[in-house]
Amino acid sequence: MTNHATGLGSMPGEDIAESMRIVLGEAGAFPYVPELPARGATATMIGRTLALVTELGVDLQPAGWRLTDAPGLDHRRAASLLAQDLDTVEELSAGHDGPFKLQVAGPWTLAATVERPRGDKVLADHGARRELAQALAQGVQDHVGDVRRRTGSATIVVQVDEPALPAVLAGAVPTASGFGRHRTVTPADSAAALGWVVDAAIAAEAVPVVHCCAEGLPWAVLGETRVQAVSFDLSKISRGEYDDIAEWVDSGRQVWPGVVPVTEPERRPTDADLTKQLLAWWAHLGYSDVETLPPMTVTPACGLAGASPAWTRQALQLATAVAQNLSVEQGKIDA
């Protein structure tokens, strides 16, 4: 059994070439397109994703990104920056023949962040959020083809970032005034929009993964889609979710536990410490023997944008070491 390790996308600093070298050096078996939000709004998770949405116009307003009749200057800048970054990725990843990952904000995180032309979030308008989700699905399909062409990778993984999904389902997203909350979205509607993006990735022959590092993952909603793995912050998982996770794994789908701290703690954990922590968690789910562990991908708990450059390297090294530790132990038993 071989387990994998990778990062979740965001990195510190503003140098895309240096970030790509770190990714290739420390997570070389499973690299990804780095995101550098320190460069500004056009380089954040939302800005990068909107760069893919070519069927709709958006622009950057004082309150954030807003839908417009035509692409604005900042929308064009976001698209240009993404293209430049992919040029760098293409140059530095030449010769890589394993899986390659890209990240996009999910339809509900976009709907909870982007504003309608007349103000307030897209989340408040059923038609607008449907249109945005479908435009995102088309953009994802095109983006997968572009990244595959540039990297030459046969296996492209699409990580759909949905940090806002639990809040959307709970009716906890504030309105523009801050005095109210947007109505909750039904599980059926949330699964449908997420499913469009997941299905677009599959149609492009990519592997869809949903990442959410917030508490309260909606396992039932995710189960209604064809997503093949869920990535999460292990520290945010409650015991009440264990049955849902066990059912998820038993169905043949994967989990990506985020076990490495995103910023350097006072006491640095060793890979042995984190391996023991992960094994103990699996034991609580009923997998007490190493040979019964399902395949998994080990990651930091969330993005590394707030980490120091030194800890960024260390975090990716630790994730890789933990995945290797588990693979070695399983290999010993299999032998």
Protein backbone atom coordinates (compact mmCIF):
# COMPACT_ATOMS: atom_id res chain seq x y z
CA MET A 1 0.00 0.00 0.00
CA THR A 2 1.36 3.41 -0.98
CA ASN A 3 0.05 6.53 0.72
CA HIS A 4 0.61 10.02 -0.63
CA ALA A 5 1.32 13.49 0.71
CA THR A 6 0.73 16.93 -0.71
CA GLY A 7 0.00 20.53 0.27
CA LEU A 8 -3.33 22.30 0.03
CA GLY A 9 -2.40 25.19 -2.25
CA SER A 10 -1.63 28.47 -0.52
CA MET A 11 1.99 29.37 0.21
CA PRO A 12 3.72 32.37 1.83
CA GLY A 13 5.52 35.11 -0.07
CA GLU A 14 5.20 36.49 -3.58
CA ASP A 15 7.72 34.48 -5.61
CA ILE A 16 5.88 31.84 -7.65
CA ALA A 17 9.11 30.26 -8.92
CA GLU A 18 10.49 29.78 -5.41
CA SER A 19 7.17 28.37 -4.21
CA MET A 20 7.07 25.93 -7.11
CA ARG A 21 10.62 24.80 -6.33
CA ILE A 22 9.61 24.15 -2.71
CA VAL A 23 6.56 22.17 -3.84
CA LEU A 24 8.60 20.08 -6.25
CA GLY A 25 11.35 19.57 -3.70
CA GLU A 26 9.22 18.64 -0.69
CA ALA A 27 6.04 17.21 -2.25
CA GLY A 28 7.59 16.14 -5.52
CA ALA A 29 5.58 12.94 -5.90
CA PHE A 30 2.32 14.89 -5.73
CA PRO A 31 2.94 18.56 -6.59
CA TYR A 32 0.36 21.29 -7.03
CA VAL A 33 -0.09 24.76 -8.48
CA PRO A 34 0.88 27.17 -5.66
CA GLU A 35 -1.37 30.03 -4.61
CA LEU A 36 0.31 33.17 -3.24
CA PRO A 37 -2.40 35.38 -1.67
CA ALA A 38 0.22 37.84 -0.36
CA ARG A 39 0.31 39.27 -3.90
CA GLY A 40 -3.18 40.70 -3.51
CA ALA A 41 -6.82 40.04 -4.35
CA THR A 42 -6.14 38.75 -7.86
CA ALA A 43 -3.94 35.99 -6.40
CA THR A 44 -6.23 34.80 -3.60
CA MET A 45 -8.31 31.64 -3.79
CA ILE A 46 -11.31 33.68 -4.95
CA GLY A 47 -9.40 35.82 -7.45
CA ARG A 48 -7.64 32.79 -8.94
CA THR A 49 -10.92 30.96 -9.36
CA LEU A 50 -12.74 33.91 -10.89
CA ALA A 51 -9.94 34.10 -13.45
CA LEU A 52 -11.31 30.79 -14.77
CA VAL A 53 -14.88 32.05 -15.03
CA THR A 54 -14.79 33.51 -18.51
CA GLU A 55 -18.53 33.25 -19.20
CA LEU A 56 -19.32 35.93 -16.59
CA GLY A 57 -17.84 39.34 -15.94
CA VAL A 58 -16.50 40.30 -12.53
CA ASP A 59 -14.58 43.21 -11.12
CA LEU A 60 -13.01 44.15 -7.82
CA GLN A 61 -14.93 46.71 -5.76
CA PRO A 62 -14.06 48.17 -2.32
CA ALA A 63 -16.30 45.51 -0.74
CA GLY A 64 -14.76 42.69 -2.78
CA TRP A 65 -15.43 40.87 -6.04
CA ARG A 66 -18.71 41.66 -7.80
CA LEU A 67 -20.48 40.33 -10.89
CA THR A 68 -20.55 42.84 -13.76
CA ASP A 69 -21.78 43.01 -17.34
CA ALA A 70 -18.26 42.53 -18.71
CA PRO A 71 -14.87 41.52 -17.33
CA GLY A 72 -13.25 44.40 -15.48
CA LEU A 73 -9.59 45.35 -15.26
CA ASP A 74 -8.97 43.27 -12.14
CA HIS A 75 -10.66 40.26 -13.70
CA ARG A 76 -8.29 40.52 -16.65
CA ARG A 77 -5.35 40.98 -14.29
CA ALA A 78 -6.32 37.82 -12.39
CA ALA A 79 -6.46 35.84 -15.64
CA SER A 80 -3.11 37.24 -16.76
CA LEU A 81 -1.47 36.45 -13.43
CA LEU A 82 -2.77 32.88 -13.51
CA ALA A 83 -1.44 32.40 -17.03
CA GLN A 84 1.98 33.72 -15.98
CA ASP A 85 2.02 31.40 -12.97
CA LEU A 86 1.15 28.43 -15.16
CA ASP A 87 4.03 29.37 -17.48
CA THR A 88 6.34 29.06 -14.47
CA VAL A 89 4.73 25.79 -13.38
CA GLU A 90 5.16 24.41 -16.88
CA GLU A 91 8.82 25.38 -17.02
CA LEU A 92 9.79 24.05 -13.59
CA SER A 93 7.72 20.85 -13.63
CA ALA A 94 9.15 19.55 -16.91
CA GLY A 95 9.81 15.84 -16.58
CA HIS A 96 7.29 15.22 -13.79
CA ASP A 97 5.26 12.12 -14.62
CA GLY A 98 3.07 11.64 -11.52
CA PRO A 99 -0.22 13.21 -10.41
CA PHE A 100 -0.57 16.98 -10.36
CA LYS A 101 -3.10 19.01 -8.37
CA LEU A 102 -4.85 22.29 -8.96
CA GLN A 103 -7.17 24.15 -6.60
CA VAL A 104 -10.38 26.12 -7.19
CA ALA A 105 -12.87 27.74 -4.84
CA GLY A 106 -16.12 25.80 -4.78
CA PRO A 107 -19.48 27.16 -5.96
CA TRP A 108 -20.80 27.82 -2.43
CA THR A 109 -17.70 29.58 -1.22
CA LEU A 110 -17.87 31.75 -4.34
CA ALA A 111 -21.60 32.42 -3.81
CA ALA A 112 -20.94 33.40 -0.18
CA THR A 113 -18.10 35.75 -1.18
CA VAL A 114 -18.91 37.33 -4.56
CA GLU A 115 -21.53 40.09 -4.76
CA ARG A 116 -24.36 40.54 -7.21
CA PRO A 117 -24.30 43.63 -9.50
CA ARG A 118 -26.68 45.48 -7.17
CA GLY A 119 -24.99 44.40 -3.99
CA ASP A 120 -25.18 41.63 -1.39
CA LYS A 121 -23.94 38.13 -2.00
CA VAL A 122 -24.71 35.91 -4.95
CA LEU A 123 -25.91 33.48 -2.28
CA ALA A 124 -29.10 35.56 -1.95
CA ASP A 125 -30.14 35.00 -5.57
CA HIS A 126 -31.05 31.48 -6.68
CA GLY A 127 -30.60 32.26 -10.38
CA ALA A 128 -27.29 34.10 -9.92
CA ARG A 129 -25.73 31.36 -7.83
CA ARG A 130 -26.83 28.75 -10.35
CA GLU A 131 -25.31 30.77 -13.19
CA LEU A 132 -22.06 31.27 -11.27
CA ALA A 133 -21.78 27.56 -10.40
CA GLN A 134 -22.34 26.49 -13.99
CA ALA A 135 -19.81 29.03 -15.29
CA LEU A 136 -17.34 27.71 -12.72
CA ALA A 137 -17.93 24.15 -13.90
CA GLN A 138 -17.07 25.13 -17.47
CA GLY A 139 -14.00 27.03 -16.29
CA VAL A 140 -12.79 24.02 -14.31
CA GLN A 141 -13.09 21.76 -17.32
CA ASP A 142 -11.04 24.16 -19.45
CA HIS A 143 -8.47 24.68 -16.66
CA VAL A 144 -7.90 20.93 -16.27
CA GLY A 145 -7.09 20.68 -19.96
CA ASP A 146 -4.66 23.59 -19.73
CA VAL A 147 -2.82 22.19 -16.68
CA ARG A 148 -2.67 18.71 -18.21
CA ARG A 149 -1.17 20.13 -21.40
CA ARG A 150 1.39 22.18 -19.51
CA THR A 151 2.49 19.50 -17.03
CA GLY A 152 2.09 16.41 -19.20
CA SER A 153 0.52 14.66 -16.22
CA ALA A 154 -1.91 11.86 -16.95
CA THR A 155 -3.55 12.29 -13.53
CA ILE A 156 -4.90 15.72 -12.69
CA VAL A 157 -6.52 16.20 -9.29
CA VAL A 158 -9.01 19.04 -8.82
CA GLN A 159 -9.24 20.24 -5.22
CA VAL A 160 -12.52 22.10 -4.73
CA ASP A 161 -12.09 24.40 -1.73
CA GLU A 162 -15.34 24.86 0.18
CA PRO A 163 -14.50 26.53 3.53
CA ALA A 164 -17.88 28.33 3.51
CA LEU A 165 -20.06 25.27 2.83
CA PRO A 166 -20.89 24.47 6.49
CA ALA A 167 -21.86 28.11 7.10
CA VAL A 168 -24.00 28.18 3.96
CA LEU A 169 -25.90 25.09 5.08
CA ALA A 170 -26.31 26.48 8.60
CA GLY A 171 -27.65 29.85 7.42
CA ALA A 172 -24.67 31.55 9.08
CA VAL A 173 -23.39 33.73 6.21
CA PRO A 174 -23.97 37.41 7.14
CA THR A 175 -25.80 39.79 4.81
CA ALA A 176 -24.11 42.93 3.52
CA SER A 177 -25.49 44.99 6.40
CA GLY A 178 -24.07 42.58 8.94
CA PHE A 179 -27.37 42.61 10.85
CA GLY A 180 -28.89 39.55 9.22
CA ARG A 181 -28.02 36.15 7.84
CA HIS A 182 -28.67 34.65 4.44
CA ARG A 183 -31.22 31.88 4.30
CA THR A 184 -29.94 28.37 4.64
CA VAL A 185 -29.51 26.39 1.42
CA THR A 186 -31.13 22.98 1.26
CA PRO A 187 -28.88 19.92 1.17
CA ALA A 188 -30.32 19.01 -2.23
CA ASP A 189 -29.48 22.41 -3.72
CA SER A 190 -26.00 22.42 -2.20
CA ALA A 191 -25.25 18.94 -3.53
CA ALA A 192 -26.53 19.88 -6.99
CA ALA A 193 -24.28 22.94 -7.44
CA LEU A 194 -21.25 21.19 -6.00
CA GLY A 195 -22.05 18.23 -8.20
CA TRP A 196 -21.86 20.35 -11.36
CA VAL A 197 -18.27 21.27 -10.56
CA VAL A 198 -17.34 17.73 -9.52
CA ASP A 199 -18.91 16.31 -12.67
CA ALA A 200 -17.03 18.84 -14.80
CA ALA A 201 -13.75 17.61 -13.32
CA ILE A 202 -14.72 14.01 -14.02
CA ALA A 203 -15.75 14.90 -17.57
CA ALA A 204 -12.26 16.33 -18.02
CA GLU A 205 -10.87 12.99 -16.76
CA ALA A 206 -9.63 14.52 -13.51
CA VAL A 207 -10.02 13.31 -9.92
CA PRO A 208 -12.26 15.61 -7.82
CA VAL A 209 -11.48 16.20 -4.13
CA VAL A 210 -13.37 18.55 -1.79
CA HIS A 211 -11.35 20.40 0.85
CA CYS A 212 -12.89 22.09 3.87
CA CYS A 213 -10.96 22.99 7.01
CA ALA A 214 -14.03 24.31 8.87
CA GLU A 215 -15.93 22.38 11.48
CA GLY A 216 -19.07 20.42 10.66
CA LEU A 217 -18.39 18.83 7.29
CA PRO A 218 -21.68 17.91 5.59
CA TRP A 219 -20.87 14.27 4.84
CA ALA A 220 -24.40 13.50 3.61
CA VAL A 221 -24.23 16.35 1.08
CA LEU A 222 -20.78 15.30 -0.13
CA GLY A 223 -22.02 11.74 -0.44
CA GLU A 224 -24.67 12.87 -2.93
CA THR A 225 -21.93 13.98 -5.34
CA ARG A 226 -19.32 11.96 -7.19
CA VAL A 227 -16.42 13.51 -5.27
CA GLN A 228 -13.78 10.87 -4.69
CA ALA A 229 -12.03 12.19 -1.57
CA VAL A 230 -12.54 14.71 1.23
CA SER A 231 -9.68 16.76 2.67
CA PHE A 232 -10.02 18.22 6.17
CA ASP A 233 -8.25 19.55 9.25
CA LEU A 234 -8.05 16.52 11.52
CA SER A 235 -8.31 18.70 14.64
CA LYS A 236 -11.73 19.98 13.50
CA ILE A 237 -13.28 16.50 13.21
CA SER A 238 -15.65 15.62 16.05
CA ARG A 239 -16.41 12.17 17.39
CA GLY A 240 -19.96 12.65 16.15
CA GLU A 241 -18.62 12.45 12.58
CA TYR A 242 -16.83 9.12 13.01
CA ASP A 243 -19.72 6.98 11.76
CA ASP A 244 -20.13 9.20 8.69
CA ILE A 245 -16.41 9.00 7.95
CA ALA A 246 -16.33 5.23 8.41
CA GLU A 247 -19.28 4.91 6.04
CA TRP A 248 -17.53 7.19 3.55
CA VAL A 249 -14.38 5.08 3.62
CA ASP A 250 -16.31 1.83 3.47
CA SER A 251 -17.96 3.06 0.26
CA GLY A 252 -14.51 3.07 -1.38
CA ARG A 253 -13.86 6.80 -1.23
CA GLN A 254 -10.81 8.38 0.38
CA VAL A 255 -10.06 10.85 3.14
CA TRP A 256 -7.14 13.27 3.19
CA PRO A 257 -6.40 13.97 6.88
CA GLY A 258 -4.67 17.27 7.55
CA VAL A 259 -2.40 16.41 10.45
CA VAL A 260 0.57 18.81 10.18
CA PRO A 261 0.20 22.23 11.93
CA VAL A 262 -0.04 25.12 9.46
CA THR A 263 2.24 27.37 11.51
CA GLU A 264 5.22 26.38 13.58
CA PRO A 265 4.13 25.30 17.09
CA GLU A 266 6.18 25.89 20.22
CA ARG A 267 7.11 22.23 20.22
CA ARG A 268 7.80 20.91 16.75
CA PRO A 269 6.20 17.51 16.24
CA THR A 270 8.27 14.75 14.69
CA ASP A 271 6.96 12.56 11.89
CA ALA A 272 6.76 9.75 14.46
CA ASP A 273 4.52 11.93 16.67
CA LEU A 274 2.18 12.71 13.78
CA THR A 275 2.14 9.11 12.58
CA LYS A 276 1.07 7.94 16.05
CA GLN A 277 -1.60 10.64 16.16
CA LEU A 278 -2.99 9.56 12.82
CA LEU A 279 -2.93 5.87 13.73
CA ALA A 280 -4.80 6.64 16.96
CA TRP A 281 -7.46 8.52 15.00
CA TRP A 282 -7.91 5.63 12.59
CA ALA A 283 -8.21 3.27 15.56
CA HIS A 284 -11.15 5.33 16.85
CA LEU A 285 -12.81 4.76 13.48
CA GLY A 286 -12.36 1.01 13.84
CA TYR A 287 -9.11 0.56 11.92
CA SER A 288 -6.88 -0.62 14.73
CA ASP A 289 -4.51 -2.67 12.55
CA VAL A 290 -2.14 -1.02 10.11
CA GLU A 291 -2.91 -3.57 7.42
CA THR A 292 -6.58 -2.52 7.42
CA LEU A 293 -5.91 1.16 6.81
CA PRO A 294 -7.45 2.51 3.62
CA PRO A 295 -5.18 4.44 1.23
CA MET A 296 -4.94 8.11 2.12
CA THR A 297 -3.21 11.38 1.29
CA VAL A 298 -1.57 13.20 4.22
CA THR A 299 -1.55 17.01 4.22
CA PRO A 300 -1.04 20.04 6.43
CA ALA A 301 -4.17 20.98 8.35
CA CYS A 302 -4.94 23.82 5.94
CA GLY A 303 -3.14 26.23 3.61
CA LEU A 304 0.36 27.48 4.43
CA ALA A 305 -0.01 31.16 3.50
CA GLY A 306 0.57 32.22 7.11
CA ALA A 307 3.61 30.00 7.65
CA SER A 308 7.23 31.04 7.56
CA PRO A 309 9.22 29.82 4.56
CA ALA A 310 11.16 27.48 6.83
CA TRP A 311 8.03 25.95 8.34
CA THR A 312 6.44 25.63 4.89
CA ARG A 313 9.28 23.33 3.87
CA GLN A 314 9.13 21.50 7.20
CA ALA A 315 5.36 21.02 7.02
CA LEU A 316 5.54 19.45 3.56
CA GLN A 317 8.48 17.30 4.65
CA LEU A 318 6.52 16.09 7.67
CA ALA A 319 3.45 15.23 5.59
CA THR A 320 5.63 13.25 3.19
CA ALA A 321 7.39 11.45 6.04
CA VAL A 322 4.10 10.47 7.70
CA ALA A 323 2.76 9.06 4.44
CA GLN A 324 5.99 7.12 3.96
CA ASN A 325 5.90 5.81 7.54
CA LEU A 326 2.43 4.39 7.02
CA SER A 327 3.36 2.90 3.67
CA VAL A 328 6.45 1.21 5.16
CA GLU A 329 4.50 -0.26 8.06
CA GLN A 330 1.84 -1.60 5.70
CA GLY A 331 4.55 -2.95 3.43
CA LYS A 332 6.15 -4.84 6.30
CA ILE A 333 2.85 -6.52 7.11
CA ASP A 334 2.07 -7.30 3.47
CA ALA A 335 5.50 -8.89 3.10
